[in-house]
């Protein structure tokens, strides 16, 4: 896990890096039945000399969080911790509004408190050299939160040390804390974009994040469909959602208020407001004993002029204990919410590209080992052109 495969650039030595990211299932007490906490994570390197950490790659947040050696919370003690005293490139940040001022050790530093999912983090601000991969070609000095307190839930259950946010600058404490923005300013990537491919169990390989380009070998569609991001000031990669389609029928969920859909590697399910999720689950009527599994419908998300469809195998987890839907109520307050969170069920089906210069998201059917012989048929099945509504008689 965390294996890096750098590829040479055709132009000056900018970098393209394919980072294999492990997925691990851990049960946490807040998980719904059949919804294990699957985490997409890999290695990063901080400081000089390097300190290696396993981090979750989170497309819906914008900060790096690492446990501090000064942290005495049990989640910190059970993970690798960051020691700024060992790094020749570390710099204390006393206050977020005084980034350039040098603070001495006796001056009080600003304390940051963050809600992270179901947990809480308390920490101080630090800046250090952050690198992706084992070579020195994808590095940038970046601010981060050095956690001095971490709640037991969920951090005590996690198989990785910290979280690396891959969101836009609006989701970061300050632009210096946005790692991808710092890489862009340094000009080290061939293209300022990254792409996510999540493996299925039958693929026999790790999931993958590609920085600097997209990987054509992961694309099963004839082309990538690009759409413009909305509300970038929230820091979340999101698109306007027109509706949800069940078995070819519009559910008209966005008639009373606009809807937005976020692409979130940090969410293991399809999450969303209660007003959307509960009627959808009732409409599907998924039997726990799997008796109606074969007759369950396709579900489609209308993004732009295309419908991106999921089949039952995508949104239902089958286990020895029965069949369990992969939907969860997540009521995010404004200004970020309400949002429909297209998490791992969606991201496994669709290869997703996040392009910073154009602020666009690219979507295609993901290539998996199962179904390669019928790729064209699968592409036509999972991405359909939105049909214009039929004219009505006056």
Protein backbone atom coordinates (compact mmCIF):
# COMPACT_ATOMS: atom_id res chain seq x y z
CA UNK A 1 0.00 0.00 0.00
CA UNK A 2 1.17 3.51 -0.71
CA UNK A 3 3.28 2.21 -3.61
CA UNK A 4 4.26 5.01 -6.00
CA UNK A 5 4.94 4.53 -9.67
CA UNK A 6 6.34 7.77 -11.16
CA UNK A 7 6.19 8.21 -14.93
CA UNK A 8 8.49 10.43 -16.93
CA UNK A 9 7.14 13.62 -18.45
CA UNK A 10 7.24 14.39 -22.15
CA UNK A 11 8.15 18.00 -21.41
CA UNK A 12 10.28 19.56 -18.71
CA UNK A 13 10.57 17.47 -15.55
CA UNK A 14 7.13 17.96 -14.16
CA UNK A 15 5.67 14.96 -12.43
CA UNK A 16 2.97 12.40 -12.95
CA UNK A 17 2.50 9.99 -10.09
CA UNK A 18 0.20 7.00 -9.70
CA UNK A 19 -0.27 6.27 -6.02
CA UNK A 20 -1.73 2.90 -5.15
CA UNK A 21 -4.02 3.38 -2.19
CA UNK A 22 -5.09 0.58 0.10
CA UNK A 23 -8.69 0.07 1.14
CA UNK A 24 -9.36 -1.41 4.54
CA UNK A 25 -12.65 -2.27 6.22
CA UNK A 26 -12.98 -1.49 9.90
CA UNK A 27 -16.18 -1.69 11.95
CA UNK A 28 -17.04 1.46 13.83
CA UNK A 29 -19.93 1.71 16.22
CA UNK A 30 -21.76 4.31 14.18
CA UNK A 31 -21.77 2.15 11.02
CA UNK A 32 -25.07 0.90 9.68
CA UNK A 33 -25.48 -2.85 9.11
CA UNK A 34 -23.56 -3.91 6.04
CA UNK A 35 -21.72 -0.59 5.90
CA UNK A 36 -18.13 -1.24 6.96
CA UNK A 37 -15.90 1.79 7.20
CA UNK A 38 -13.79 1.44 4.06
CA UNK A 39 -10.92 3.89 3.88
CA UNK A 40 -8.83 4.96 0.91
CA UNK A 41 -5.35 5.66 2.20
CA UNK A 42 -1.67 5.72 1.27
CA UNK A 43 1.72 7.11 2.30
CA UNK A 44 2.91 10.71 2.40
CA UNK A 45 6.26 12.06 3.60
CA UNK A 46 6.71 15.13 5.80
CA UNK A 47 9.83 17.11 6.69
CA UNK A 48 13.57 16.73 6.15
CA UNK A 49 14.60 14.08 7.00
CA UNK A 50 11.34 12.43 5.99
CA UNK A 51 8.70 11.21 8.40
CA UNK A 52 6.29 8.78 6.75
CA UNK A 53 2.56 8.71 7.53
CA UNK A 54 -0.45 6.83 6.27
CA UNK A 55 -3.26 9.26 5.44
CA UNK A 56 -6.78 8.99 4.11
CA UNK A 57 -7.20 10.83 0.80
CA UNK A 58 -10.32 12.95 1.27
CA UNK A 59 -11.70 14.87 -1.73
CA UNK A 60 -14.26 16.74 0.41
CA UNK A 61 -11.88 18.46 2.86
CA UNK A 62 -8.97 20.83 2.38
CA UNK A 63 -6.53 20.38 5.26
CA UNK A 64 -3.84 17.96 6.34
CA UNK A 65 -4.28 16.64 9.89
CA UNK A 66 -1.49 14.68 11.61
CA UNK A 67 -1.18 13.58 15.25
CA UNK A 68 1.51 15.39 17.23
CA UNK A 69 4.17 13.70 19.37
CA UNK A 70 2.82 15.95 22.16
CA UNK A 71 -0.65 14.38 21.88
CA UNK A 72 -1.55 12.05 24.76
CA UNK A 73 -4.97 10.97 23.44
CA UNK A 74 -5.13 7.22 22.92
CA UNK A 75 -5.74 7.55 19.13
CA UNK A 76 -2.44 9.48 18.88
CA UNK A 77 -0.54 6.96 20.99
CA UNK A 78 -1.68 4.11 18.72
CA UNK A 79 -0.51 5.84 15.52
CA UNK A 80 2.65 7.38 14.13
CA UNK A 81 3.07 10.97 15.35
CA UNK A 82 4.71 14.02 13.81
CA UNK A 83 7.77 15.50 15.52
CA UNK A 84 8.60 18.98 14.26
CA UNK A 85 11.83 19.07 16.26
CA UNK A 86 13.25 16.40 13.96
CA UNK A 87 12.61 18.36 10.74
CA UNK A 88 14.90 20.98 9.31
CA UNK A 89 12.05 22.43 7.20
CA UNK A 90 9.44 22.74 9.98
CA UNK A 91 8.05 26.14 10.90
CA UNK A 92 5.66 27.06 13.70
CA UNK A 93 2.62 29.11 12.70
CA UNK A 94 1.48 31.17 15.66
CA UNK A 95 -1.72 32.58 14.17
CA UNK A 96 -3.62 31.97 10.97
CA UNK A 97 -3.76 35.74 10.32
CA UNK A 98 -0.01 36.20 10.89
CA UNK A 99 1.38 33.49 8.65
CA UNK A 100 4.64 35.26 7.83
CA UNK A 101 5.60 36.35 11.34
CA UNK A 102 8.24 34.35 13.20
CA UNK A 103 7.00 33.19 16.61
CA UNK A 104 9.37 32.29 19.41
CA UNK A 105 8.80 29.23 21.58
CA UNK A 106 7.47 31.27 24.55
CA UNK A 107 4.70 33.02 22.63
CA UNK A 108 1.21 31.50 22.82
CA UNK A 109 0.07 29.84 19.61
CA UNK A 110 -3.42 29.77 18.18
CA UNK A 111 -5.43 26.63 18.97
CA UNK A 112 -7.58 25.18 16.20
CA UNK A 113 -10.69 23.09 16.87
CA UNK A 114 -12.21 21.09 14.03
CA UNK A 115 -15.13 18.72 13.65
CA UNK A 116 -14.03 15.84 11.44
CA UNK A 117 -16.88 13.52 10.56
CA UNK A 118 -18.17 12.11 13.84
CA UNK A 119 -15.03 13.19 15.72
CA UNK A 120 -13.17 16.22 16.97
CA UNK A 121 -9.59 17.43 16.64
CA UNK A 122 -7.75 20.08 18.66
CA UNK A 123 -4.36 21.21 17.45
CA UNK A 124 -1.83 23.87 16.58
CA UNK A 125 -0.61 25.14 13.24
CA UNK A 126 2.60 24.04 11.59
CA UNK A 127 4.23 24.29 8.16
CA UNK A 128 6.61 21.72 6.68
CA UNK A 129 7.69 20.11 3.43
CA UNK A 130 5.06 17.63 2.27
CA UNK A 131 5.72 15.05 -0.45
CA UNK A 132 3.70 12.47 -2.32
CA UNK A 133 5.52 9.30 -3.26
CA UNK A 134 9.03 8.21 -2.43
CA UNK A 135 10.77 10.58 -4.86
CA UNK A 136 11.27 14.31 -4.37
CA UNK A 137 9.37 15.50 -7.45
CA UNK A 138 5.94 16.12 -5.89
CA UNK A 139 6.67 18.27 -2.85
CA UNK A 140 5.53 21.63 -1.49
CA UNK A 141 5.85 23.55 1.77
CA UNK A 142 2.37 23.27 3.26
CA UNK A 143 0.56 24.29 6.42
CA UNK A 144 -1.24 21.64 8.44
CA UNK A 145 -2.94 20.94 11.76
CA UNK A 146 -0.69 19.21 14.28
CA UNK A 147 -3.29 17.51 16.46
CA UNK A 148 -2.70 17.63 20.22
CA UNK A 149 -6.08 16.03 21.00
CA UNK A 150 -8.08 13.51 18.93
CA UNK A 151 -11.40 11.96 19.93
CA UNK A 152 -11.54 8.21 20.36
CA UNK A 153 -14.40 8.04 17.88
CA UNK A 154 -13.53 7.61 15.04
CA UNK A 155 -9.74 8.11 15.19
CA UNK A 156 -9.06 5.25 17.57
CA UNK A 157 -10.56 2.80 15.07
CA UNK A 158 -8.76 4.01 11.94
CA UNK A 159 -5.94 2.09 10.22
CA UNK A 160 -4.19 5.30 9.14
CA UNK A 161 -2.50 8.17 10.97
CA UNK A 162 -4.08 11.30 9.50
CA UNK A 163 -6.20 12.86 6.76
CA UNK A 164 -5.01 14.65 3.62
CA UNK A 165 -7.71 16.90 2.18
CA UNK A 166 -7.77 17.13 -1.62
CA UNK A 167 -10.52 19.73 -1.76
CA UNK A 168 -10.31 23.27 -3.13
CA UNK A 169 -8.84 26.24 -1.21
CA UNK A 170 -12.24 27.29 0.12
CA UNK A 171 -12.18 24.21 2.34
CA UNK A 172 -8.75 24.99 3.81
CA UNK A 173 -7.88 27.18 6.80
CA UNK A 174 -5.83 29.35 4.45
CA UNK A 175 -4.47 28.87 0.93
CA UNK A 176 -1.09 27.84 2.41
CA UNK A 177 -2.89 24.86 3.95
CA UNK A 178 -4.16 23.64 0.56
CA UNK A 179 -1.58 21.11 -0.55
CA UNK A 180 -2.77 20.77 -4.15
CA UNK A 181 -2.83 24.55 -4.49
CA UNK A 182 0.76 24.67 -3.25
CA UNK A 183 1.78 22.02 -5.79
CA UNK A 184 0.09 24.07 -8.51
CA UNK A 185 1.97 27.23 -7.50
CA UNK A 186 5.24 25.28 -7.51
CA UNK A 187 4.47 24.07 -11.05
CA UNK A 188 5.60 20.52 -10.33
CA UNK A 189 2.76 18.63 -11.99
CA UNK A 190 2.33 18.05 -15.69
CA UNK A 191 -1.34 18.98 -15.31
CA UNK A 192 -2.94 20.35 -12.15
CA UNK A 193 -5.44 17.55 -11.81
CA UNK A 194 -5.88 14.23 -10.09
CA UNK A 195 -8.08 11.22 -10.76
CA UNK A 196 -9.60 8.53 -8.53
CA UNK A 197 -10.13 4.86 -9.42
CA UNK A 198 -11.63 2.65 -6.70
CA UNK A 199 -11.05 -1.07 -7.09
CA UNK A 200 -13.73 -3.74 -6.86
CA UNK A 201 -12.99 -6.92 -4.86
CA UNK A 202 -12.50 -8.91 -8.06
CA UNK A 203 -9.91 -6.54 -9.54
CA UNK A 204 -7.06 -8.07 -7.57
CA UNK A 205 -5.25 -4.74 -7.09
CA UNK A 206 -5.31 -1.65 -4.92
CA UNK A 207 -7.35 1.44 -5.64
CA UNK A 208 -5.42 4.29 -7.26
CA UNK A 209 -5.09 8.07 -7.26
CA UNK A 210 -3.22 9.55 -10.21
CA UNK A 211 -1.71 13.02 -9.74
CA UNK A 212 -0.80 15.11 -12.78
CA UNK A 213 -2.96 13.33 -15.38
CA UNK A 214 -5.72 10.80 -15.83
CA UNK A 215 -5.00 7.16 -16.60
CA UNK A 216 -6.64 6.11 -19.89
CA UNK A 217 -6.32 2.46 -18.84
CA UNK A 218 -8.95 3.11 -16.15
CA UNK A 219 -11.52 4.56 -18.59
CA UNK A 220 -14.13 2.20 -20.04
CA UNK A 221 -16.25 4.86 -21.80
CA UNK A 222 -15.51 6.28 -25.23
CA UNK A 223 -14.81 9.65 -23.63
CA UNK A 224 -14.75 11.55 -20.35
CA UNK A 225 -17.76 13.79 -19.68
CA UNK A 226 -16.67 17.15 -18.24
CA UNK A 227 -18.91 19.39 -16.14
CA UNK A 228 -18.30 22.72 -14.42
CA UNK A 229 -17.97 22.82 -10.64
CA UNK A 230 -20.44 25.01 -8.76
CA UNK A 231 -19.96 26.83 -5.42
CA UNK A 232 -16.15 26.42 -5.39
CA UNK A 233 -15.99 28.80 -2.42
CA UNK A 234 -17.20 25.91 -0.21
CA UNK A 235 -14.02 24.00 -1.05
CA UNK A 236 -16.05 20.93 -2.04
CA UNK A 237 -15.92 19.39 -5.52
CA UNK A 238 -19.60 19.48 -6.48
CA UNK A 239 -21.99 19.69 -9.42
CA UNK A 240 -25.61 20.77 -9.69
CA UNK A 241 -27.95 17.80 -9.34
CA UNK A 242 -31.18 18.01 -11.33
CA UNK A 243 -32.91 14.89 -10.01
CA UNK A 244 -32.63 11.25 -9.01
CA UNK A 245 -34.13 8.66 -11.36
CA UNK A 246 -35.42 5.29 -10.11
CA UNK A 247 -36.32 2.66 -12.69
CA UNK A 248 -36.54 5.37 -15.35
CA UNK A 249 -38.86 7.60 -13.31
CA UNK A 250 -37.91 11.08 -12.11
CA UNK A 251 -38.28 11.44 -8.35
CA UNK A 252 -38.63 15.25 -8.58
CA UNK A 253 -36.50 15.77 -5.48
CA UNK A 254 -35.10 19.12 -6.60
CA UNK A 255 -38.30 20.91 -7.61
CA UNK A 256 -38.62 22.97 -4.43
CA UNK A 257 -34.96 23.88 -3.90
CA UNK A 258 -31.69 23.53 -5.81
CA UNK A 259 -29.67 20.35 -5.21
CA UNK A 260 -25.93 19.77 -5.33
CA UNK A 261 -23.92 16.55 -5.46
CA UNK A 262 -20.39 16.26 -4.01
CA UNK A 263 -17.80 13.64 -4.97
CA UNK A 264 -16.43 12.37 -1.69
CA UNK A 265 -13.81 9.65 -1.14
CA UNK A 266 -14.30 10.13 2.59
CA UNK A 267 -17.88 8.82 2.46
CA UNK A 268 -18.42 5.07 2.24
CA UNK A 269 -22.08 5.37 1.20
CA UNK A 270 -24.43 7.60 -0.76
CA UNK A 271 -25.24 10.22 1.87
CA UNK A 272 -27.68 13.06 1.79
CA UNK A 273 -30.45 15.05 3.45
CA UNK A 274 -33.20 13.12 5.20
CA UNK A 275 -35.76 14.57 2.75
CA UNK A 276 -33.94 12.80 -0.11
CA UNK A 277 -32.57 9.61 1.43
CA UNK A 278 -35.57 8.35 3.39
CA UNK A 279 -38.08 8.51 0.49
CA UNK A 280 -35.49 6.89 -1.78
CA UNK A 281 -34.95 3.96 0.60
CA UNK A 282 -38.73 3.53 1.00
CA UNK A 283 -39.16 3.59 -2.77
CA UNK A 284 -36.58 0.82 -3.24
CA UNK A 285 -38.04 -1.52 -0.56
CA UNK A 286 -34.85 -3.61 -0.32
CA UNK A 287 -35.59 -6.88 1.47
CA UNK A 288 -33.06 -7.81 4.13
CA UNK A 289 -33.37 -11.48 3.11
CA UNK A 290 -32.35 -10.53 -0.47
CA UNK A 291 -35.58 -11.99 -1.86
CA UNK A 292 -36.13 -9.04 -4.21
CA UNK A 293 -32.47 -8.32 -5.00
CA UNK A 294 -32.69 -9.48 -8.63
CA UNK A 295 -35.69 -7.26 -9.31
CA UNK A 296 -34.27 -4.06 -7.81
CA UNK A 297 -34.12 -1.11 -10.25
CA UNK A 298 -31.30 1.05 -11.57
CA UNK A 299 -30.81 4.37 -9.78
CA UNK A 300 -29.61 7.39 -11.76
CA UNK A 301 -28.21 10.77 -10.76
CA UNK A 302 -28.96 13.54 -13.26
CA UNK A 303 -25.85 15.69 -13.66
CA UNK A 304 -26.01 18.13 -16.53
CA UNK A 305 -27.46 16.46 -19.60
CA UNK A 306 -26.42 12.94 -18.57
CA UNK A 307 -27.74 10.35 -16.13
CA UNK A 308 -25.13 8.37 -14.20
CA UNK A 309 -26.68 5.05 -13.24
CA UNK A 310 -25.97 2.56 -10.48
CA UNK A 311 -27.19 -1.03 -10.49
CA UNK A 312 -28.19 -2.99 -7.37
CA UNK A 313 -24.67 -4.44 -7.02
CA UNK A 314 -23.44 -0.86 -6.57
CA UNK A 315 -25.89 0.34 -3.92
CA UNK A 316 -26.67 -2.90 -2.06
CA UNK A 317 -24.10 -4.83 -0.02
CA UNK A 318 -24.79 -8.55 0.12
CA UNK A 319 -23.41 -10.39 3.15
CA UNK A 320 -24.03 -13.66 4.96
CA UNK A 321 -26.40 -11.68 7.19
CA UNK A 322 -28.50 -10.41 4.28
CA UNK A 323 -28.82 -7.45 1.92
CA UNK A 324 -28.18 -3.90 3.15
CA UNK A 325 -28.62 -0.64 1.26
CA UNK A 326 -25.67 1.74 1.04
CA UNK A 327 -27.54 4.98 1.77
CA UNK A 328 -27.28 7.13 4.89
CA UNK A 329 -28.89 10.33 6.15
CA UNK A 330 -26.23 13.07 6.34
CA UNK A 331 -27.70 16.50 7.06
CA UNK A 332 -24.90 19.00 6.42
CA UNK A 333 -25.77 22.53 7.58
CA UNK A 334 -25.26 25.61 5.38
CA UNK A 335 -23.12 26.98 3.88
CA UNK A 336 -21.66 23.63 2.73
CA UNK A 337 -24.96 21.76 2.85
CA UNK A 338 -27.39 20.48 2.05
CA UNK A 339 -25.44 18.13 -0.20
CA UNK A 340 -25.88 14.70 -1.73
CA UNK A 341 -22.59 12.90 -1.08
CA UNK A 342 -21.63 10.57 -3.90
CA UNK A 343 -19.26 8.33 -2.00
CA UNK A 344 -17.67 4.97 -2.69
CA UNK A 345 -20.69 3.23 -4.34
CA UNK A 346 -20.65 5.93 -7.02
CA UNK A 347 -16.86 6.33 -7.25
CA UNK A 348 -16.32 2.59 -7.81
CA UNK A 349 -18.60 2.71 -10.83
CA UNK A 350 -17.30 5.97 -12.28
CA UNK A 351 -13.69 7.02 -12.81
CA UNK A 352 -13.58 10.60 -11.53
CA UNK A 353 -11.16 13.36 -12.55
CA UNK A 354 -10.73 16.60 -10.59
CA UNK A 355 -9.28 19.39 -12.75
CA UNK A 356 -8.17 22.51 -10.88
CA UNK A 357 -7.36 25.00 -13.70
CA UNK A 358 -10.77 24.63 -15.36
CA UNK A 359 -12.70 23.84 -12.15
CA UNK A 360 -14.29 20.87 -13.88
CA UNK A 361 -15.07 17.30 -12.90
CA UNK A 362 -14.66 14.55 -15.48
CA UNK A 363 -16.68 11.33 -15.29
CA UNK A 364 -16.47 8.07 -17.20
CA UNK A 365 -17.43 4.48 -16.54
CA UNK A 366 -14.54 2.90 -14.64
CA UNK A 367 -12.77 -0.09 -16.15
CA UNK A 368 -12.82 -3.20 -13.95
CA UNK A 369 -11.75 -6.75 -14.67
CA UNK A 370 -15.30 -8.01 -14.49
CA UNK A 371 -17.16 -6.87 -17.60
CA UNK A 372 -14.20 -5.89 -19.80
CA UNK A 373 -15.58 -8.00 -22.65
CA UNK A 374 -18.81 -5.95 -22.64
CA UNK A 375 -17.34 -2.49 -22.02
CA UNK A 376 -19.28 -0.67 -24.74
CA UNK A 377 -22.56 -2.16 -23.54
CA UNK A 378 -21.71 -1.31 -19.93
CA UNK A 379 -20.78 2.26 -20.84
CA UNK A 380 -24.12 2.72 -22.60
CA UNK A 381 -25.91 1.19 -19.60
CA UNK A 382 -24.32 3.27 -16.87
CA UNK A 383 -24.18 6.67 -18.62
CA UNK A 384 -27.24 7.71 -20.60
CA UNK A 385 -28.14 10.95 -22.31
CA UNK A 386 -30.83 12.88 -20.51
CA UNK A 387 -34.03 12.86 -22.52
CA UNK A 388 -35.76 16.19 -22.98
CA UNK A 389 -39.25 16.20 -21.41
CA UNK A 390 -42.03 15.43 -23.84
CA UNK A 391 -44.08 18.46 -24.93
CA UNK A 392 -47.43 18.79 -23.21
CA UNK A 393 -50.71 19.74 -24.87
CA UNK A 394 -52.05 23.15 -23.89
